[in-house]
Protein backbone atom coordinates (compact mmCIF):
# COMPACT_ATOMS: atom_id res chain seq x y z
CA UNK A 1 244.42 395.70 212.00
CA UNK A 2 241.79 393.87 209.40
CA UNK A 3 245.03 391.81 207.35
CA UNK A 4 245.85 389.69 210.44
CA UNK A 5 242.34 389.28 210.94
CA UNK A 6 242.63 385.35 209.33
CA UNK A 7 245.21 383.90 211.43
CA UNK A 8 244.60 381.43 212.97
CA UNK A 9 246.27 381.43 217.20
CA UNK A 10 246.20 376.93 216.99
CA UNK A 11 248.61 377.33 214.41
CA UNK A 12 251.37 379.98 215.96
CA UNK A 13 253.43 377.44 217.44
CA UNK A 14 256.24 375.63 215.56
CA UNK A 15 255.26 372.21 216.23
CA UNK A 16 251.31 372.67 215.37
CA UNK A 17 252.12 374.68 212.52
CA UNK A 18 254.62 371.67 211.40
CA UNK A 19 251.92 368.93 212.52
CA UNK A 20 249.46 370.33 210.67
CA UNK A 21 251.81 370.45 207.46
CA UNK A 22 253.05 367.29 207.46
CA UNK A 23 249.07 366.01 207.73
CA UNK A 24 247.69 368.29 204.55
CA UNK A 25 250.67 367.16 202.50
CA UNK A 26 250.40 363.57 203.68
CA UNK A 27 246.55 362.93 204.71
CA UNK A 28 247.89 361.08 207.78
CA UNK A 29 250.93 360.23 209.98
CA UNK A 30 251.61 358.11 212.74
CA UNK A 31 253.32 359.87 216.05
CA UNK A 32 257.02 358.40 215.34
CA UNK A 33 256.59 359.88 211.78
CA UNK A 34 255.52 363.03 213.42
CA UNK A 35 258.37 362.94 215.82
CA UNK A 36 260.96 361.84 213.70
CA UNK A 37 260.00 364.94 211.19
CA UNK A 38 259.68 367.92 213.88
CA UNK A 39 262.36 366.43 216.07
CA UNK A 40 260.42 366.70 219.13
CA UNK A 41 260.12 364.69 222.25
CA UNK A 42 257.12 362.48 223.20
CA UNK A 43 255.66 364.76 225.60
CA UNK A 44 256.14 367.84 223.55
CA UNK A 45 254.52 366.43 220.45
CA UNK A 46 251.53 364.53 222.59
CA UNK A 47 250.54 368.38 224.09
CA UNK A 48 250.55 369.88 220.67
CA UNK A 49 248.54 366.68 218.99
CA UNK A 50 245.97 366.50 221.94
CA UNK A 51 245.34 370.44 221.62
CA UNK A 52 244.62 370.02 217.85
CA UNK A 53 242.56 367.33 218.69
CA UNK A 54 240.38 369.14 220.96
CA UNK A 55 240.08 371.92 218.83
CA UNK A 56 238.61 369.81 216.14
CA UNK A 57 241.48 369.89 213.55
CA UNK A 58 242.78 366.45 213.59
CA UNK A 59 241.70 363.29 214.66
CA UNK A 60 243.39 360.61 216.44
CA UNK A 61 242.92 356.70 216.01
CA UNK A 62 244.51 354.10 218.37
CA UNK A 63 245.20 350.92 217.44
CA UNK A 64 247.89 347.84 218.08
CA UNK A 65 249.71 346.31 214.84
CA UNK A 66 251.18 343.07 216.03
CA UNK A 67 251.87 343.97 219.91
CA UNK A 68 252.56 347.44 219.19
CA UNK A 69 250.50 350.55 220.42
CA UNK A 70 250.41 352.59 216.66
CA UNK A 71 248.62 356.23 216.89
CA UNK A 72 247.33 357.60 213.56
CA UNK A 73 246.58 361.09 213.20
CA UNK A 74 244.81 362.53 209.95
CA UNK A 75 242.84 365.91 209.20
CA UNK A 76 239.65 366.78 210.45
CA UNK A 77 237.48 369.00 207.60
CA UNK A 78 237.15 371.63 210.03
CA UNK A 79 241.43 371.60 209.96
CA UNK A 80 241.74 371.30 206.92
CA UNK A 81 239.57 374.30 206.15
CA UNK A 82 241.09 376.36 209.16
CA UNK A 83 244.69 375.68 208.35
CA UNK A 84 243.73 377.19 204.35
CA UNK A 85 242.22 379.98 205.84
CA UNK A 86 245.58 380.49 207.98
CA UNK A 87 248.02 380.04 205.13
CA UNK A 88 245.81 382.39 202.82
CA UNK A 89 246.27 385.05 206.16
CA UNK A 90 249.61 384.49 205.71
CA UNK A 91 250.01 384.97 202.04
CA UNK A 92 247.65 388.25 201.93
CA UNK A 93 250.33 388.93 204.64
CA UNK A 94 253.06 388.98 202.51
CA UNK A 95 252.12 390.50 199.40
CA UNK A 96 251.20 393.85 201.94
CA UNK A 97 255.15 393.73 201.67
CA UNK A 98 255.42 393.75 198.05
C-alpha cells in the first residue's frame, strides 16, 4: 500500500501527535504547558515525550527556575523532517478520497 508508506508510527498516538503539533507551532514548550494543553497525566506525558526523545524527534532540557524544576521540550531537525513527511503522507491520503 504505497499511499501510506510515508506515515510514521511514532505519530499514530494522539498524545505524541499533539506534542509534535504544539512544538512545531511554538518552537518549544515546557512540561506543564504540554500537560495542560493535552489534558494528560504526568506519567502519560512523560512516557510519550520519552518515546519521542529516544526516537530523536524532540530534545529535553532540564533546569531549575529559582528552586522549581523546569523541563523544556523542542523539536530536533530530524523530528521536524519526520513530522513534515508524516503530515504530507496524511495529506496525500486525504487527496485519494477526493
